[in-house]
């Protein structure tokens, strides 16, 4: 398998099943009081297209698209590990009142890719 060029952009794709219907999963991913419990610390958000978010971990960004309870897209800026990343999260219902959550991020800088993947 060919290795990507050292400084070429990469994408990340994660799929997870969560035990919550899309409206609850969407809220857990977008509402600061929920996000602060499982992902970020001290999250703040202006939840509208063009609105900004930030947290105590140094992450900031702008909401690019909001389609409750189906999808959220935003930029993810943190100079230490993900400058310029665009993230899209899609929530799909499953038959048992759970959801499939598909998260994609691009471009991911080479150094951050190595850190996340454990590759060299």
Protein backbone atom coordinates (compact mmCIF):
# COMPACT_ATOMS: atom_id res chain seq x y z
CA UNK A 1 0.00 0.00 0.00
CA UNK A 2 1.37 3.40 -0.97
CA UNK A 3 2.06 5.82 1.84
CA UNK A 4 0.63 9.35 1.53
CA UNK A 5 3.10 12.11 0.85
CA UNK A 6 4.45 13.58 4.07
CA UNK A 7 2.63 16.90 3.84
CA UNK A 8 -0.49 15.79 1.99
CA UNK A 9 -3.85 16.46 3.68
CA UNK A 10 -5.75 13.54 5.16
CA UNK A 11 -9.31 12.82 6.20
CA UNK A 12 -10.63 10.99 9.21
CA UNK A 13 -13.89 9.02 9.24
CA UNK A 14 -15.43 7.53 12.37
CA UNK A 15 -18.71 5.64 12.66
CA UNK A 16 -20.27 4.87 16.03
CA UNK A 17 -23.57 3.52 17.23
CA UNK A 18 -25.05 5.34 20.21
CA UNK A 19 -28.00 4.35 22.36
CA UNK A 20 -29.98 7.52 21.73
CA UNK A 21 -32.32 8.60 18.93
CA UNK A 22 -30.99 11.33 16.59
CA UNK A 23 -32.58 14.28 18.46
CA UNK A 24 -30.87 13.30 21.73
CA UNK A 25 -27.57 12.48 20.02
CA UNK A 26 -27.67 15.82 18.16
CA UNK A 27 -28.34 17.69 21.42
CA UNK A 28 -25.49 15.86 23.15
CA UNK A 29 -23.14 17.00 20.38
CA UNK A 30 -24.30 20.61 20.05
CA UNK A 31 -25.60 21.94 23.38
CA UNK A 32 -22.80 23.24 25.63
CA UNK A 33 -24.24 21.79 28.85
CA UNK A 34 -24.17 18.31 27.29
CA UNK A 35 -20.87 18.65 25.38
CA UNK A 36 -19.10 19.78 28.57
CA UNK A 37 -20.03 16.46 30.20
CA UNK A 38 -18.45 14.11 27.66
CA UNK A 39 -16.13 15.90 25.24
CA UNK A 40 -14.90 19.39 26.10
CA UNK A 41 -14.48 21.39 29.26
CA UNK A 42 -16.36 24.64 29.79
CA UNK A 43 -17.96 24.62 26.34
CA UNK A 44 -19.62 27.80 25.08
CA UNK A 45 -21.56 28.03 21.82
CA UNK A 46 -23.55 30.45 19.70
CA UNK A 47 -25.52 27.66 18.03
CA UNK A 48 -26.38 29.18 14.64
CA UNK A 49 -24.76 29.10 11.22
CA UNK A 50 -21.89 31.56 11.46
CA UNK A 51 -21.95 31.32 15.26
CA UNK A 52 -18.79 30.43 17.15
CA UNK A 53 -17.89 27.96 19.87
CA UNK A 54 -14.96 27.69 22.27
CA UNK A 55 -13.87 25.70 25.29
CA UNK A 56 -11.24 25.66 28.00
CA UNK A 57 -9.17 23.14 26.00
CA UNK A 58 -8.26 25.86 23.46
CA UNK A 59 -10.65 24.66 20.73
CA UNK A 60 -12.58 27.28 18.77
CA UNK A 61 -14.56 27.21 15.57
CA UNK A 62 -17.50 28.33 13.53
CA UNK A 63 -20.73 26.48 12.76
CA UNK A 64 -21.00 25.98 9.00
CA UNK A 65 -24.29 24.05 8.86
CA UNK A 66 -26.97 23.06 11.39
CA UNK A 67 -29.73 20.65 10.37
CA UNK A 68 -31.26 19.36 13.61
CA UNK A 69 -31.41 16.47 14.32
CA UNK A 70 -29.63 15.23 11.19
CA UNK A 71 -26.30 16.99 10.82
CA UNK A 72 -23.91 19.61 12.18
CA UNK A 73 -20.80 20.93 10.41
CA UNK A 74 -18.17 23.19 11.92
CA UNK A 75 -14.55 24.27 11.74
CA UNK A 76 -12.21 23.01 14.44
CA UNK A 77 -9.32 25.29 15.24
CA UNK A 78 -6.68 24.45 17.80
CA UNK A 79 -3.15 25.54 16.95
CA UNK A 80 -1.62 22.62 18.83
CA UNK A 81 -3.28 19.80 16.89
CA UNK A 82 -5.98 20.57 14.34
CA UNK A 83 -5.69 23.97 12.64
CA UNK A 84 -8.02 24.30 9.67
CA UNK A 85 -10.03 21.10 10.17
CA UNK A 86 -13.65 20.94 8.97
CA UNK A 87 -15.87 18.45 10.79
CA UNK A 88 -19.25 17.09 9.70
CA UNK A 89 -21.32 14.92 12.03
CA UNK A 90 -24.35 13.07 10.65
CA UNK A 91 -26.96 11.32 12.81
CA UNK A 92 -28.97 8.44 11.28
CA UNK A 93 -31.80 6.63 13.10
CA UNK A 94 -31.66 2.89 13.70
CA UNK A 95 -34.63 0.58 14.30
CA UNK A 96 -33.98 0.14 18.04
CA UNK A 97 -34.20 3.87 18.96
CA UNK A 98 -30.42 4.29 18.66
CA UNK A 99 -28.41 6.24 16.13
CA UNK A 100 -25.48 5.77 13.86
CA UNK A 101 -23.14 8.74 14.15
CA UNK A 102 -20.79 9.38 11.24
CA UNK A 103 -18.04 11.91 11.88
CA UNK A 104 -15.70 13.11 9.16
CA UNK A 105 -12.88 15.61 9.44
CA UNK A 106 -10.67 17.13 6.76
CA UNK A 107 -8.03 18.26 6.08
CA UNK A 108 -6.03 16.97 9.00
CA UNK A 109 -2.42 18.19 9.08
CA UNK A 110 0.29 15.55 8.72
CA UNK A 111 1.61 15.97 12.28
CA UNK A 112 -1.88 15.59 13.79
CA UNK A 113 -2.50 12.53 11.62
CA UNK A 114 0.64 10.88 12.96
CA UNK A 115 -0.35 11.72 16.53
CA UNK A 116 -3.87 10.28 16.14
CA UNK A 117 -3.01 7.22 14.10
CA UNK A 118 0.23 6.22 15.80
CA UNK A 119 1.85 6.07 12.32
CA UNK A 120 5.17 7.43 11.28
